[in-house]
Amino acid sequence: MLDLYNRYARHLQVRYGQRVYKLPVHLPVSCPNRREGAFGCTYCGANGAGFEHESGTFSVAQQLESNKNRIGKRYKAKKFIAYFQSFTNTFMPLEEFRSVMYEAALEDIVEIAVSTRPDCIRIEYLDILQEIKAEKGIEITIELGLQTANYHSLIHVNRGHTLAEYIEAAMLVKQYGFQLCTHLILNLPWDDELDVIESAKLVSVMKSDYVKLHALYIEKGTELARQYQEGSISLCTVEEYQERVILFLEYLSPDIAIQRILGRAPEENTLFANWGQSWWKIRDEIEAKMQERGSYQGKQFHYLGGKGVREFF
């Protein structure tokens, strides 16, 4: 059977010699895009991206131990990734950041994944993570929310940064030898298939190790919800989203592991989420279409390496 794309679970199993599971950690942090009464990104709700986590009133160690016991028993897992998921986890005083990151370096934690924004990457914070990697032998992954290579769309969603900040942050993360994960939304109302292709090319050029794809959902009470309800924006169909995922994967470097091709959403708090379908059904349909067409990750990955002069070699 054709290997359709580079699956994250398989990648982790090869890397660590066994199945590895993420343990979400919630910190009581916010985001520089939500200061002084600003509402932040138009799609961002009260909990940021972290609607599946232990309460931030518990310590990092308590959250990890609780999730480790629950997930470890369910899947008989022995190795874990401490995943700082919601909001911007480098948006805090430096010494607080040092404290919580060291607190996450528990037994059986083989990796720390820190979700943040491209405009919140500073060398002082990366230096701390480099110390932990050296002292504890723990791998470090930085997850950057880019969402799209279309810098006009970044303005539409009030992202608070442009494409340049992502490029600088990605370069810095790679210079430190950390793993880079890039988050993308393939169905923003202002994007088309050319933007999907350019997003795939960009993360490939920046040598992102992982990609996490999301389908845009509309959470109640957000600016995006207001726009959706008044009819000033519209979303593509589920069939169009599936085509965008397939196109993205074909132009993506085959070396990049895919953490997900579709996310879940807190349906009780949303006006729109995954076209009213289960995430796994949409995923299965994407994979079936790829299988039928002979499509696979990297099929169109032939645009780098001085493409214009290859005929002379």
C-alpha atoms as a PDB file:
ATOM      1  CA  MET A   1       0.000   0.000   0.000  1.00  0.00           C
ATOM      2  CA  LEU A   2       1.256   3.484  -0.926  1.00  0.00           C
ATOM      3  CA  ASP A   3       2.469   5.468   2.075  1.00  0.00           C
ATOM      4  CA  LEU A   4       0.265   8.536   1.724  1.00  0.00           C
ATOM      5  CA  TYR A   5       2.071  10.868   4.094  1.00  0.00           C
ATOM      6  CA  ASN A   6       4.685  10.972   6.839  1.00  0.00           C
ATOM      7  CA  ARG A   7       2.622  10.179   9.926  1.00  0.00           C
ATOM      8  CA  TYR A   8       3.639  11.723  13.231  1.00  0.00           C
ATOM      9  CA  ALA A   9       2.829   8.660  15.352  1.00  0.00           C
ATOM     10  CA  ARG A  10       5.097   6.494  13.222  1.00  0.00           C
ATOM     11  CA  HIS A  11       7.802   9.157  13.308  1.00  0.00           C
ATOM     12  CA  LEU A  12       7.734   9.207  17.126  1.00  0.00           C
ATOM     13  CA  GLN A  13       7.856   5.433  17.321  1.00  0.00           C
ATOM     14  CA  VAL A  14      10.957   5.336  15.131  1.00  0.00           C
ATOM     15  CA  ARG A  15      12.572   8.247  16.975  1.00  0.00           C
ATOM     16  CA  TYR A  16      11.980   6.973  20.515  1.00  0.00           C
ATOM     17  CA  GLY A  17      11.679   3.231  19.945  1.00  0.00           C
ATOM     18  CA  GLN A  18       8.110   3.026  21.232  1.00  0.00           C
ATOM     19  CA  ARG A  19       4.799   4.871  21.169  1.00  0.00           C
ATOM     20  CA  VAL A  20       4.945   8.326  22.736  1.00  0.00           C
ATOM     21  CA  TYR A  21       1.979  10.404  23.890  1.00  0.00           C
ATOM     22  CA  LYS A  22       1.515  14.129  24.433  1.00  0.00           C
ATOM     23  CA  LEU A  23       0.514  15.382  27.868  1.00  0.00           C
ATOM     24  CA  PRO A  24      -1.176  18.818  27.559  1.00  0.00           C
ATOM     25  CA  VAL A  25      -0.144  21.465  30.072  1.00  0.00           C
ATOM     26  CA  HIS A  26      -2.070  24.679  30.616  1.00  0.00           C
ATOM     27  CA  LEU A  27      -0.328  27.763  31.967  1.00  0.00           C
ATOM     28  CA  PRO A  28      -2.212  30.872  33.129  1.00  0.00           C
ATOM     29  CA  VAL A  29      -0.700  32.960  30.342  1.00  0.00           C
ATOM     30  CA  SER A  30      -2.198  35.154  27.671  1.00  0.00           C
ATOM     31  CA  CYS A  31      -0.906  36.594  24.425  1.00  0.00           C
ATOM     32  CA  PRO A  32       0.703  39.904  23.383  1.00  0.00           C
ATOM     33  CA  ASN A  33      -2.087  40.256  20.836  1.00  0.00           C
ATOM     34  CA  ARG A  34      -4.720  40.420  23.599  1.00  0.00           C
ATOM     35  CA  ARG A  35      -3.295  43.222  25.737  1.00  0.00           C
ATOM     36  CA  GLU A  36      -5.026  46.465  26.688  1.00  0.00           C
ATOM     37  CA  GLY A  37      -8.513  45.313  25.723  1.00  0.00           C
ATOM     38  CA  ALA A  38      -7.580  43.984  22.284  1.00  0.00           C
ATOM     39  CA  PHE A  39      -9.484  40.848  21.262  1.00  0.00           C
ATOM     40  CA  GLY A  40      -6.484  39.138  19.650  1.00  0.00           C
ATOM     41  CA  CYS A  41      -6.853  36.993  16.556  1.00  0.00           C
ATOM     42  CA  THR A  42     -10.400  37.173  15.211  1.00  0.00           C
ATOM     43  CA  TYR A  43     -10.875  33.399  15.612  1.00  0.00           C
ATOM     44  CA  CYS A  44      -9.397  33.074  19.101  1.00  0.00           C
ATOM     45  CA  GLY A  45     -11.760  32.218  21.956  1.00  0.00           C
ATOM     46  CA  ALA A  46     -11.402  32.514  25.702  1.00  0.00           C
ATOM     47  CA  ASN A  47      -9.223  29.397  26.068  1.00  0.00           C
ATOM     48  CA  GLY A  48      -6.936  29.937  23.101  1.00  0.00           C
ATOM     49  CA  ALA A  49      -6.126  26.593  21.492  1.00  0.00           C
ATOM     50  CA  GLY A  50      -6.247  24.683  24.738  1.00  0.00           C
ATOM     51  CA  PHE A  51      -9.737  23.382  25.310  1.00  0.00           C
ATOM     52  CA  GLU A  52      -8.429  19.953  26.357  1.00  0.00           C
ATOM     53  CA  HIS A  53      -6.267  20.382  29.397  1.00  0.00           C
ATOM     54  CA  GLU A  54      -6.080  20.176  33.151  1.00  0.00           C
ATOM     55  CA  SER A  55      -6.871  23.365  35.029  1.00  0.00           C
ATOM     56  CA  GLY A  56      -4.117  25.969  35.065  1.00  0.00           C
ATOM     57  CA  THR A  57      -4.641  26.248  38.833  1.00  0.00           C
ATOM     58  CA  PHE A  58      -2.649  23.015  39.200  1.00  0.00           C
ATOM     59  CA  SER A  59       1.129  23.074  38.987  1.00  0.00           C
ATOM     60  CA  VAL A  60       2.934  21.852  35.887  1.00  0.00           C
ATOM     61  CA  ALA A  61       4.078  18.719  37.709  1.00  0.00           C
ATOM     62  CA  GLN A  62       0.545  18.010  38.976  1.00  0.00           C
ATOM     63  CA  GLN A  63      -0.941  18.387  35.497  1.00  0.00           C
ATOM     64  CA  LEU A  64       1.695  16.133  33.976  1.00  0.00           C
ATOM     65  CA  GLU A  65       1.333  13.449  36.619  1.00  0.00           C
ATOM     66  CA  SER A  66      -2.460  13.481  36.342  1.00  0.00           C
ATOM     67  CA  ASN A  67      -2.385  13.209  32.546  1.00  0.00           C
ATOM     68  CA  LYS A  68       0.426  10.664  32.676  1.00  0.00           C
ATOM     69  CA  ASN A  69      -1.594   8.402  34.965  1.00  0.00           C
ATOM     70  CA  ARG A  70      -4.715   8.709  32.827  1.00  0.00           C
ATOM     71  CA  ILE A  71      -3.063   8.291  29.420  1.00  0.00           C
ATOM     72  CA  GLY A  72      -0.449   5.836  30.641  1.00  0.00           C
ATOM     73  CA  LYS A  73      -3.090   3.458  31.989  1.00  0.00           C
ATOM     74  CA  ARG A  74      -5.278   3.753  28.912  1.00  0.00           C
ATOM     75  CA  TYR A  75      -2.536   3.166  26.327  1.00  0.00           C
ATOM     76  CA  LYS A  76       0.114   1.475  28.497  1.00  0.00           C
ATOM     77  CA  ALA A  77       2.426   4.331  27.553  1.00  0.00           C
ATOM     78  CA  LYS A  78       5.836   4.823  29.154  1.00  0.00           C
ATOM     79  CA  LYS A  79       7.239   7.846  27.343  1.00  0.00           C
ATOM     80  CA  PHE A  80       5.621  11.246  27.048  1.00  0.00           C
ATOM     81  CA  ILE A  81       5.878  14.737  25.616  1.00  0.00           C
ATOM     82  CA  ALA A  82       5.087  17.691  27.881  1.00  0.00           C
ATOM     83  CA  TYR A  83       2.989  19.878  25.593  1.00  0.00           C
ATOM     84  CA  PHE A  84       2.548  23.523  26.590  1.00  0.00           C
ATOM     85  CA  GLN A  85      -0.427  24.086  24.354  1.00  0.00           C
ATOM     86  CA  SER A  86      -2.746  27.027  24.933  1.00  0.00           C
ATOM     87  CA  PHE A  87      -2.008  30.670  24.223  1.00  0.00           C
ATOM     88  CA  THR A  88       1.622  31.927  24.075  1.00  0.00           C
ATOM     89  CA  ASN A  89       3.905  29.979  26.367  1.00  0.00           C
ATOM     90  CA  THR A  90       6.914  32.257  26.046  1.00  0.00           C
ATOM     91  CA  PHE A  91       4.823  35.306  26.985  1.00  0.00           C
ATOM     92  CA  MET A  92       5.876  35.435  30.632  1.00  0.00           C
ATOM     93  CA  PRO A  93       8.797  36.752  32.703  1.00  0.00           C
ATOM     94  CA  LEU A  94      12.012  34.911  31.950  1.00  0.00           C
ATOM     95  CA  GLU A  95      12.512  33.370  35.403  1.00  0.00           C
ATOM     96  CA  GLU A  96       8.929  32.100  35.473  1.00  0.00           C
ATOM     97  CA  PHE A  97       9.532  30.493  32.114  1.00  0.00           C
ATOM     98  CA  ARG A  98      12.706  28.854  33.435  1.00  0.00           C
ATOM     99  CA  SER A  99      10.840  27.506  36.458  1.00  0.00           C
ATOM    100  CA  VAL A 100       7.940  25.912  34.602  1.00  0.00           C
ATOM    101  CA  MET A 101      10.145  24.414  31.898  1.00  0.00           C
ATOM    102  CA  TYR A 102      12.449  22.781  34.424  1.00  0.00           C
ATOM    103  CA  GLU A 103       9.394  21.572  36.329  1.00  0.00           C
ATOM    104  CA  ALA A 104       8.280  19.742  33.180  1.00  0.00           C
ATOM    105  CA  ALA A 105      11.533  17.756  32.984  1.00  0.00           C
ATOM    106  CA  LEU A 106      10.080  14.791  34.871  1.00  0.00           C
ATOM    107  CA  GLU A 107      10.943  11.132  34.570  1.00  0.00           C
ATOM    108  CA  ASP A 108       9.536   9.586  31.377  1.00  0.00           C
ATOM    109  CA  ILE A 109       9.301  13.016  29.694  1.00  0.00           C
ATOM    110  CA  VAL A 110      11.389  12.645  26.536  1.00  0.00           C
ATOM    111  CA  GLU A 111      10.410  15.922  24.901  1.00  0.00           C
ATOM    112  CA  ILE A 112       9.066  19.362  25.762  1.00  0.00           C
ATOM    113  CA  ALA A 113       6.881  21.030  23.130  1.00  0.00           C
ATOM    114  CA  VAL A 114       6.294  24.756  23.554  1.00  0.00           C
ATOM    115  CA  SER A 115       3.513  26.415  21.579  1.00  0.00           C
ATOM    116  CA  THR A 116       4.100  30.112  20.964  1.00  0.00           C
ATOM    117  CA  ARG A 117       3.951  32.926  18.411  1.00  0.00           C
ATOM    118  CA  PRO A 118       6.587  33.995  15.876  1.00  0.00           C
ATOM    119  CA  ASP A 119       6.819  37.426  17.517  1.00  0.00           C
ATOM    120  CA  CYS A 120       7.486  35.879  20.955  1.00  0.00           C
ATOM    121  CA  ILE A 121      10.763  34.089  20.214  1.00  0.00           C
ATOM    122  CA  ARG A 122      13.787  35.553  22.023  1.00  0.00           C
ATOM    123  CA  ILE A 123      17.223  34.019  22.457  1.00  0.00           C
ATOM    124  CA  GLU A 124      17.032  34.299  26.270  1.00  0.00           C
ATOM    125  CA  TYR A 125      14.106  31.870  26.306  1.00  0.00           C
ATOM    126  CA  LEU A 126      15.720  29.550  23.796  1.00  0.00           C
ATOM    127  CA  ASP A 127      18.892  29.555  25.916  1.00  0.00           C
ATOM    128  CA  ILE A 128      16.899  28.130  28.834  1.00  0.00           C
ATOM    129  CA  LEU A 129      15.486  25.369  26.651  1.00  0.00           C
ATOM    130  CA  GLN A 130      18.975  24.636  25.372  1.00  0.00           C
ATOM    131  CA  GLU A 131      20.146  24.233  28.985  1.00  0.00           C
ATOM    132  CA  ILE A 132      17.339  21.767  29.701  1.00  0.00           C
ATOM    133  CA  LYS A 133      18.116  19.792  26.563  1.00  0.00           C
ATOM    134  CA  ALA A 134      21.778  19.519  27.557  1.00  0.00           C
ATOM    135  CA  GLU A 135      21.234  18.814  31.270  1.00  0.00           C
ATOM    136  CA  LYS A 136      18.213  16.515  31.084  1.00  0.00           C
ATOM    137  CA  GLY A 137      18.663  14.901  27.675  1.00  0.00           C
ATOM    138  CA  ILE A 138      15.176  16.052  26.677  1.00  0.00           C
ATOM    139  CA  GLU A 139      14.323  17.017  23.111  1.00  0.00           C
ATOM    140  CA  ILE A 140      12.788  20.429  22.463  1.00  0.00           C
ATOM    141  CA  THR A 141      10.081  21.300  19.930  1.00  0.00           C
ATOM    142  CA  ILE A 142       8.897  24.838  19.282  1.00  0.00           C
ATOM    143  CA  GLU A 143       5.423  25.102  17.779  1.00  0.00           C
ATOM    144  CA  LEU A 144       4.806  28.307  15.836  1.00  0.00           C
ATOM    145  CA  GLY A 145       1.368  29.441  14.756  1.00  0.00           C
ATOM    146  CA  LEU A 146       1.796  30.766  11.230  1.00  0.00           C
ATOM    147  CA  GLN A 147      -1.702  29.851   9.902  1.00  0.00           C
ATOM    148  CA  THR A 148      -1.004  30.955   6.308  1.00  0.00           C
ATOM    149  CA  ALA A 149       1.718  32.238   4.006  1.00  0.00           C
ATOM    150  CA  ASN A 150      -0.764  34.852   2.748  1.00  0.00           C
ATOM    151  CA  TYR A 151       0.309  37.940   4.684  1.00  0.00           C
ATOM    152  CA  HIS A 152      -2.873  39.743   3.646  1.00  0.00           C
ATOM    153  CA  SER A 153      -4.903  37.043   5.399  1.00  0.00           C
ATOM    154  CA  LEU A 154      -2.720  37.500   8.498  1.00  0.00           C
ATOM    155  CA  ILE A 155      -3.931  41.088   8.593  1.00  0.00           C
ATOM    156  CA  HIS A 156      -7.563  40.041   8.051  1.00  0.00           C
ATOM    157  CA  VAL A 157      -7.458  37.771  11.114  1.00  0.00           C
ATOM    158  CA  ASN A 158      -5.622  40.399  13.162  1.00  0.00           C
ATOM    159  CA  ARG A 159      -2.770  37.995  13.687  1.00  0.00           C
ATOM    160  CA  GLY A 160      -0.476  40.725  15.028  1.00  0.00           C
ATOM    161  CA  HIS A 161       2.578  39.631  13.050  1.00  0.00           C
ATOM    162  CA  THR A 162       3.509  39.240   9.409  1.00  0.00           C
ATOM    163  CA  LEU A 163       5.325  36.613   7.393  1.00  0.00           C
ATOM    164  CA  ALA A 164       8.716  38.100   8.220  1.00  0.00           C
ATOM    165  CA  GLU A 165       8.399  37.336  11.937  1.00  0.00           C
ATOM    166  CA  TYR A 166       7.667  33.681  11.191  1.00  0.00           C
ATOM    167  CA  ILE A 167      10.710  33.398   8.924  1.00  0.00           C
ATOM    168  CA  GLU A 168      12.993  34.975  11.533  1.00  0.00           C
ATOM    169  CA  ALA A 169      11.609  32.821  14.359  1.00  0.00           C
ATOM    170  CA  ALA A 170      11.839  29.614  12.322  1.00  0.00           C
ATOM    171  CA  MET A 171      15.454  30.350  11.392  1.00  0.00           C
ATOM    172  CA  LEU A 172      16.337  30.992  15.042  1.00  0.00           C
ATOM    173  CA  VAL A 173      14.650  27.780  16.247  1.00  0.00           C
ATOM    174  CA  LYS A 174      16.575  25.760  13.657  1.00  0.00           C
ATOM    175  CA  GLN A 175      19.851  27.489  14.560  1.00  0.00           C
ATOM    176  CA  TYR A 176      19.424  26.212  18.117  1.00  0.00           C
ATOM    177  CA  GLY A 177      18.945  22.681  16.798  1.00  0.00           C
ATOM    178  CA  PHE A 178      15.402  22.430  18.110  1.00  0.00           C
ATOM    179  CA  GLN A 179      12.570  20.762  16.253  1.00  0.00           C
ATOM    180  CA  LEU A 180      10.111  23.106  14.580  1.00  0.00           C
ATOM    181  CA  CYS A 181       6.373  22.518  14.205  1.00  0.00           C
ATOM    182  CA  THR A 182       4.307  24.927  12.095  1.00  0.00           C
ATOM    183  CA  HIS A 183       0.550  25.349  12.516  1.00  0.00           C
ATOM    184  CA  LEU A 184      -1.520  26.158   9.427  1.00  0.00           C
ATOM    185  CA  ILE A 185      -5.194  26.780   8.656  1.00  0.00           C
ATOM    186  CA  LEU A 186      -5.996  25.812   5.078  1.00  0.00           C
ATOM    187  CA  ASN A 187      -9.510  27.226   4.816  1.00  0.00           C
ATOM    188  CA  LEU A 188      -9.192  30.863   5.826  1.00  0.00           C
ATOM    189  CA  PRO A 189     -11.892  32.787   3.907  1.00  0.00           C
ATOM    190  CA  TRP A 190      -9.360  34.909   1.991  1.00  0.00           C
ATOM    191  CA  ASP A 191      -7.062  32.065   0.881  1.00  0.00           C
ATOM    192  CA  ASP A 192      -7.164  30.043  -2.312  1.00  0.00           C
ATOM    193  CA  GLU A 193      -5.226  27.075  -3.699  1.00  0.00           C
ATOM    194  CA  LEU A 194      -2.210  29.239  -4.569  1.00  0.00           C
ATOM    195  CA  ASP A 195      -1.935  30.219  -0.916  1.00  0.00           C
ATOM    196  CA  VAL A 196      -2.126  26.548   0.059  1.00  0.00           C
ATOM    197  CA  ILE A 197       0.748  25.725  -2.309  1.00  0.00           C
ATOM    198  CA  GLU A 198       2.817  28.678  -1.091  1.00  0.00           C
ATOM    199  CA  SER A 199       2.275  27.659   2.533  1.00  0.00           C
ATOM    200  CA  ALA A 200       3.545  24.162   1.741  1.00  0.00           C
ATOM    201  CA  LYS A 201       6.560  25.591  -0.062  1.00  0.00           C
ATOM    202  CA  LEU A 202       7.357  28.016   2.747  1.00  0.00           C
ATOM    203  CA  VAL A 203       7.384  25.458   5.567  1.00  0.00           C
ATOM    204  CA  SER A 204       9.406  23.117   3.356  1.00  0.00           C
ATOM    205  CA  VAL A 205      12.021  25.803   2.656  1.00  0.00           C
ATOM    206  CA  MET A 206      12.176  26.682   6.373  1.00  0.00           C
ATOM    207  CA  LYS A 207      12.766  22.982   7.105  1.00  0.00           C
ATOM    208  CA  SER A 208       9.942  22.663   9.569  1.00  0.00           C
ATOM    209  CA  ASP A 209      10.143  19.208  11.127  1.00  0.00           C
ATOM    210  CA  TYR A 210       6.408  18.944  11.710  1.00  0.00           C
ATOM    211  CA  VAL A 211       3.201  20.456  10.390  1.00  0.00           C
ATOM    212  CA  LYS A 212      -0.115  20.644  12.169  1.00  0.00           C
ATOM    213  CA  LEU A 213      -3.128  21.410   9.967  1.00  0.00           C
ATOM    214  CA  HIS A 214      -6.369  22.835  11.280  1.00  0.00           C
ATOM    215  CA  ALA A 215      -9.708  23.464   9.639  1.00  0.00           C
ATOM    216  CA  LEU A 216     -10.962  26.857  10.721  1.00  0.00           C
ATOM    217  CA  TYR A 217     -13.765  26.646  13.262  1.00  0.00           C
ATOM    218  CA  ILE A 218     -15.835  29.580  14.436  1.00  0.00           C
ATOM    219  CA  GLU A 219     -16.140  29.924  18.173  1.00  0.00           C
ATOM    220  CA  LYS A 220     -19.031  31.814  19.703  1.00  0.00           C
ATOM    221  CA  GLY A 221     -18.266  35.289  21.002  1.00  0.00           C
ATOM    222  CA  THR A 222     -15.295  35.932  18.721  1.00  0.00           C
ATOM    223  CA  GLU A 223     -14.872  38.653  16.136  1.00  0.00           C
ATOM    224  CA  LEU A 224     -14.879  35.941  13.480  1.00  0.00           C
ATOM    225  CA  ALA A 225     -18.274  34.753  14.770  1.00  0.00           C
ATOM    226  CA  ARG A 226     -19.653  38.264  14.320  1.00  0.00           C
ATOM    227  CA  GLN A 227     -18.350  38.384  10.743  1.00  0.00           C
ATOM    228  CA  TYR A 228     -19.769  34.928  10.032  1.00  0.00           C
ATOM    229  CA  GLN A 229     -23.200  35.778  11.417  1.00  0.00           C
ATOM    230  CA  GLU A 230     -23.468  39.028   9.467  1.00  0.00           C
ATOM    231  CA  GLY A 231     -22.458  37.215   6.275  1.00  0.00           C
ATOM    232  CA  SER A 232     -19.269  39.156   5.539  1.00  0.00           C
ATOM    233  CA  ILE A 233     -17.216  35.951   5.309  1.00  0.00           C
ATOM    234  CA  SER A 234     -17.912  32.480   3.959  1.00  0.00           C
ATOM    235  CA  LEU A 235     -16.032  29.218   4.233  1.00  0.00           C
ATOM    236  CA  CYS A 236     -15.155  26.668   1.592  1.00  0.00           C
ATOM    237  CA  THR A 237     -17.003  23.338   1.423  1.00  0.00           C
ATOM    238  CA  VAL A 238     -15.682  20.199   3.058  1.00  0.00           C
ATOM    239  CA  GLU A 239     -14.869  18.828  -0.401  1.00  0.00           C
ATOM    240  CA  GLU A 240     -12.813  21.946  -1.151  1.00  0.00           C
ATOM    241  CA  TYR A 241     -10.998  21.584   2.163  1.00  0.00           C
ATOM    242  CA  GLN A 242     -10.145  17.997   1.337  1.00  0.00           C
ATOM    243  CA  GLU A 243      -8.724  19.112  -2.016  1.00  0.00           C
ATOM    244  CA  ARG A 244      -6.639  21.758  -0.270  1.00  0.00           C
ATOM    245  CA  VAL A 245      -5.171  19.206   2.141  1.00  0.00           C
ATOM    246  CA  ILE A 246      -4.236  16.886  -0.723  1.00  0.00           C
ATOM    247  CA  LEU A 247      -2.679  19.770  -2.676  1.00  0.00           C
ATOM    248  CA  PHE A 248      -0.756  20.923   0.386  1.00  0.00           C
ATOM    249  CA  LEU A 249       0.634  17.453   1.034  1.00  0.00           C
ATOM    250  CA  GLU A 250       1.707  16.997  -2.582  1.00  0.00           C
ATOM    251  CA  TYR A 251       3.818  20.171  -2.460  1.00  0.00           C
ATOM    252  CA  LEU A 252       5.186  19.497   1.026  1.00  0.00           C
ATOM    253  CA  SER A 253       8.635  18.036   1.651  1.00  0.00           C
ATOM    254  CA  PRO A 254       8.279  14.299   2.386  1.00  0.00           C
ATOM    255  CA  ASP A 255      10.677  14.732   5.330  1.00  0.00           C
ATOM    256  CA  ILE A 256       8.105  16.726   7.312  1.00  0.00           C
ATOM    257  CA  ALA A 257       5.999  14.653   9.701  1.00  0.00           C
ATOM    258  CA  ILE A 258       2.272  15.452   9.761  1.00  0.00           C
ATOM    259  CA  GLN A 259       0.961  15.808  13.294  1.00  0.00           C
ATOM    260  CA  ARG A 260      -2.615  16.175  12.059  1.00  0.00           C
ATOM    261  CA  ILE A 261      -4.519  16.981   8.888  1.00  0.00           C
ATOM    262  CA  LEU A 262      -7.643  18.068  10.725  1.00  0.00           C
ATOM    263  CA  GLY A 263      -8.275  19.259  14.248  1.00  0.00           C
ATOM    264  CA  ARG A 264     -11.103  18.782  16.675  1.00  0.00           C
ATOM    265  CA  ALA A 265     -13.182  21.646  18.036  1.00  0.00           C
ATOM    266  CA  PRO A 266     -15.313  22.257  21.139  1.00  0.00           C
ATOM    267  CA  GLU A 267     -18.593  21.834  19.272  1.00  0.00           C
ATOM    268  CA  GLU A 268     -20.789  23.120  22.099  1.00  0.00           C
ATOM    269  CA  ASN A 269     -19.038  26.502  21.864  1.00  0.00           C
ATOM    270  CA  THR A 270     -18.938  26.850  18.091  1.00  0.00           C
ATOM    271  CA  LEU A 271     -21.120  28.199  15.306  1.00  0.00           C
ATOM    272  CA  PHE A 272     -19.189  26.161  12.758  1.00  0.00           C
ATOM    273  CA  ALA A 273     -16.871  23.205  13.242  1.00  0.00           C
ATOM    274  CA  ASN A 274     -15.680  20.676  10.654  1.00  0.00           C
ATOM    275  CA  TRP A 275     -18.840  21.049   8.547  1.00  0.00           C
ATOM    276  CA  GLY A 276     -20.821  19.237  11.216  1.00  0.00           C
ATOM    277  CA  GLN A 277     -18.889  16.022  10.582  1.00  0.00           C
ATOM    278  CA  SER A 278     -16.499  13.978  12.689  1.00  0.00           C
ATOM    279  CA  TRP A 279     -12.835  14.765  12.134  1.00  0.00           C
ATOM    280  CA  TRP A 280     -11.957  11.138  11.467  1.00  0.00           C
ATOM    281  CA  LYS A 281     -14.602  10.834   8.712  1.00  0.00           C
ATOM    282  CA  ILE A 282     -13.121  13.823   6.862  1.00  0.00           C
ATOM    283  CA  ARG A 283      -9.624  12.437   7.383  1.00  0.00           C
ATOM    284  CA  ASP A 284     -10.622   9.016   6.054  1.00  0.00           C
ATOM    285  CA  GLU A 285     -12.178  10.596   2.967  1.00  0.00           C
ATOM    286  CA  ILE A 286      -8.986  12.570   2.309  1.00  0.00           C
ATOM    287  CA  GLU A 287      -6.898   9.430   2.552  1.00  0.00           C
ATOM    288  CA  ALA A 288      -9.298   7.487   0.319  1.00  0.00           C
ATOM    289  CA  LYS A 289      -9.074  10.173  -2.366  1.00  0.00           C
ATOM    290  CA  MET A 290      -5.285  10.187  -2.162  1.00  0.00           C
ATOM    291  CA  GLN A 291      -5.171   6.418  -2.461  1.00  0.00           C
ATOM    292  CA  GLU A 292      -7.505   6.428  -5.457  1.00  0.00           C
ATOM    293  CA  ARG A 293      -5.484   9.082  -7.312  1.00  0.00           C
ATOM    294  CA  GLY A 294      -2.030   7.808  -6.506  1.00  0.00           C
ATOM    295  CA  SER A 295      -1.404  10.994  -4.549  1.00  0.00           C
ATOM    296  CA  TYR A 296       1.190  11.198  -1.784  1.00  0.00           C
ATOM    297  CA  GLN A 297       3.167  13.685   0.263  1.00  0.00           C
ATOM    298  CA  GLY A 298       5.936  15.229  -1.801  1.00  0.00           C
ATOM    299  CA  LYS A 299       4.558  14.260  -5.215  1.00  0.00           C
ATOM    300  CA  GLN A 300       5.013  17.851  -6.405  1.00  0.00           C
ATOM    301  CA  PHE A 301       8.118  18.524  -4.285  1.00  0.00           C
ATOM    302  CA  HIS A 302      10.482  19.439  -7.105  1.00  0.00           C
ATOM    303  CA  TYR A 303      10.778  23.212  -6.836  1.00  0.00           C
ATOM    304  CA  LEU A 304      13.983  23.552  -4.768  1.00  0.00           C
ATOM    305  CA  GLY A 305      17.663  22.975  -5.468  1.00  0.00           C
ATOM    306  CA  GLY A 306      18.084  25.312  -8.424  1.00  0.00           C
ATOM    307  CA  LYS A 307      15.273  23.838 -10.481  1.00  0.00           C
ATOM    308  CA  GLY A 308      15.973  26.143 -13.441  1.00  0.00           C
ATOM    309  CA  VAL A 309      19.469  24.795 -14.189  1.00  0.00           C
ATOM    310  CA  ARG A 310      19.002  21.085 -13.496  1.00  0.00           C
ATOM    311  CA  GLU A 311      19.125  20.248 -17.198  1.00  0.00           C
ATOM    312  CA  PHE A 312      22.866  20.987 -17.187  1.00  0.00           C
ATOM    313  CA  PHE A 313      23.648  18.380 -14.530  1.00  0.00           C
END
